[in-house]
Amino acid sequence: MKKILWFLLFLACFCVSCSVGAGTKVKLAEGLDPSVEAVDQECAVFYFLWGQSAELEGLYEESREAYEKALVCDPTGEYIMRKLAMLLINMDKRREAAAWMNRLIERNPKDEDARSLLVNLYASMGEVDRAAEIYLEMLKVDPNNYNVMLLLGALYARNQDFVKARTIMEDLVKKDEKSFVGYHYLAKIYRDLQLYSKAGKAYEKALELNWSVMLAFEAADFLEEQKIYEPAIDLYKKILQEDETDEKARGRLARLYLKMDKVDLALTELKELRLYVEDELPVDLAVSRILMEEKRFDQAIELLLTVLKKDPEFVEARALLALIYYETGDNDKAMKLLHQAKPGSANYEESVLFLARILQESKDFEGAAQLLENKIADKLTRKKSFYVMLATIYMEQKKPAQAEQVFLRAMDVFPQDAKLIFEYALFLEEKGDQKKAIEYMAKVLEINPRDPYALNYLGYVWAENGENLEQALEYIKAAIAIRSEDGFVRDSLGWVYFKLGKIEQAIVELQKAREMEPEDPTINEHLGDAFVKAGQYKKALVAYEKALSLAGNKTDRAKIKSKIEALNK
C-alpha cells in the first residue's frame, strides 16, 4: 500500500507540473453530469488509480469517492463509469449502479456488455419488465441477434413466464435451426408447460445437434419421468459406449431395469458396475437386496457372508443378513447378528427393536422385556423408542399398570418429547381413559402446535362426542393443511361436518377419504351414515356392506349389521 501511495504522490506532482506547464485550469463538472465536457486527463488518471488502490484494500467508500472525483476530472470517462458501477454492485448499491450503466448506454448505445449488465441489475432488483425492455430494444435494432434472443428467453424462463419464453425460443430455432442452446432451453420450457411430447422432440433435436453426456442424462431423466423407458435405456447405453466405467450411467441403467421388472438385466449391470468402482461392497449390498426381494435367499446369504468377511463392521450388510435369516425362519442366526450391533452405530436402535420384536413374536415376553430394561437402564444405550416398545410388550401381556409406569419413566427422561407424549396419550385412549388422553394430547400441541395427528385426534374425539364442534373443525382443518393426502384425517373432517349437520360437505370429504383408504371399515361406515342422512339409501347400503366385509371386531360388525337391517325394512 505504501508503494502505491508513493506512486500516487509522484503522479500527483507530475500532474500538477503538467497542468501548470500547459496552463490548464480544471473546471469542476456540475455534480457528476457527463454532459459537461471539461476534461483533465492527468487528474482523472490520478483519482482513478487512487480509487483502484482503495478498492483493492477493501476501502469501498474511499474508492467510490475517488472514482467520482475522477469523473469530475473526466466526465466522459466510460472506463471510470464502468469501474464505479462495478464497485457500487459490490457495495450492494444496485440502483445507483444501474444509473451509471444507463449513462454508459446513453453515451454508447451499441455497448452490449453494458446492456447485459444492466439487465442483470434490473432482474436482481425484481424489475424484470425493465430488464426485458432492454433486450426488446436491442432486437428492434437487430431482430436476428440470436444471443440477445437467448438471453431474453432465459430471462423470461427464470421469471417463470414460460409462455413468453416459449415464444422467443421458438422464434429463435426457426431463424437458427442449428441453435443447440435454443432447443435445450425449449425442452426445459416445454417440460414446465407440461408439453411433454414437444419436450421430447426438443431434447432429441438438441442431442442431434450437440451430443453430450450431461444432456443425455437430463434427457434420460425426462424419459424416465414419462415412463418412456426404451429410449432412456438407449441413452444410457450410448453413454456407456463412450465410457464403460461411467458409474452413474450403469447404476441408472440397473435401476431402470428394476423398474421394468427385468431383474436379471439389472443384476448383470450391477455386477459389471462393481468392476469399475473403488469400493464394490455397496454394490454387493444392492445386489443382495434385489436377490432378497426376488426370494433368492441362498444367493443373497452367500453374497452377504462374503461381504462381511471382507468388512465385518459393514452394519448395513449385517442388518440385511439378519433380516434374511428372519424371513427364512432362522431366528437364532438373526439374533446372533443383531446382538453384534454396537451403541452409536448407524443401525443400533433398529437392531435392538428388531431383536425385541423377534423375542416378542416367539412369545418370549420376559426375554424381550429384560432386553429393553437392560438397554433403558444405561443412559448410553437408552432410546425413547425402547420405552414405547417395552410398554407395548406389557400391554400385549395385559399388564397396563407396568406399561403406564414405563411411559412415566420415559417422560421423566424425555419431558419435552412430543412424540413420546403422543404415544402415551394413545396408550391412555386404548386403556379407556379418554379424559386423561385428551389432557396429554393437548400437551403435545403445547410443544408442537402444528402436530397434525394430535390436532386430528382431538378434533375427531370432540366430533365423536358431539362437543366443541367448531374448535374440532378448526383443528382438523389445520391438520388437513399439513396432511391433505391422509385419508384418516380427511375422514375426521367429513365426520365433523356430519356432526355439524353439513351433510353435503360431509359426503364430499368422506368420499375423498374412501378414495384414499378404500379398505377402512370406519370410513365406509361413516360414508354410509352420511348417505342415510342425505336420503341416498342405496348408496348407504353399498357403503355399509363394504364396511361389514372389512370389519374385524364383533361389536363393530353387529353395529353395522343393525344399520343394514334397518335399511332393508
Foldseek 3Di string as FASTA:
>chain_A
DVVLVVVLVVLVVVLVVVCVVVVHDQDFDDQLALVDAQARQSQLVSLQSVLVVCVVVVNLVSSLVSLSSSSRRGSNPLVSLQVNLVSCVVVVNLVVSLVSLVVSCVVPVPPVVSLVVNLVSCVVVVNNVVSLVSLVVVCVVPVLPLVSLLVSLVSCVVVVVLVVSLVSLVVSCVSPVLPLSSLQSNLVSCVSVVVLVSSLVSLVSSCVNPNDLVSLVVSLVSCVVVVVQPVSLVSLVVVCVVPVQPLVSLQVNLVSCVVVVVNVVSLVSLVSNLVRDPDNLVSLLVNLVSCVVVVVLVVSLVSLVVSCVVPVPPLSSLQVNLVSCVVVPNNVSSLVSLVPDDQPDPCVVVSLLVNLVVCVVVVVLVVSLVSLVVQCVDPSRHDLVSLLSNLVSCVVVVNNVVSLVSLVVSCVVVVLDLVSLLSSLVSCVVVPNNVVSLVSLVSSCVSPVQPLVSLLVVLQVCLVVLHPLVSSLVSLVSSCVVVVLALSSLLSNLSSCVSVVVLVVSLVSLVSSCVSVVLALVSLQSNLVSCVVVVNNVSSLVSLVSSLVRDDDPVVNVVSVVVNVVSVD
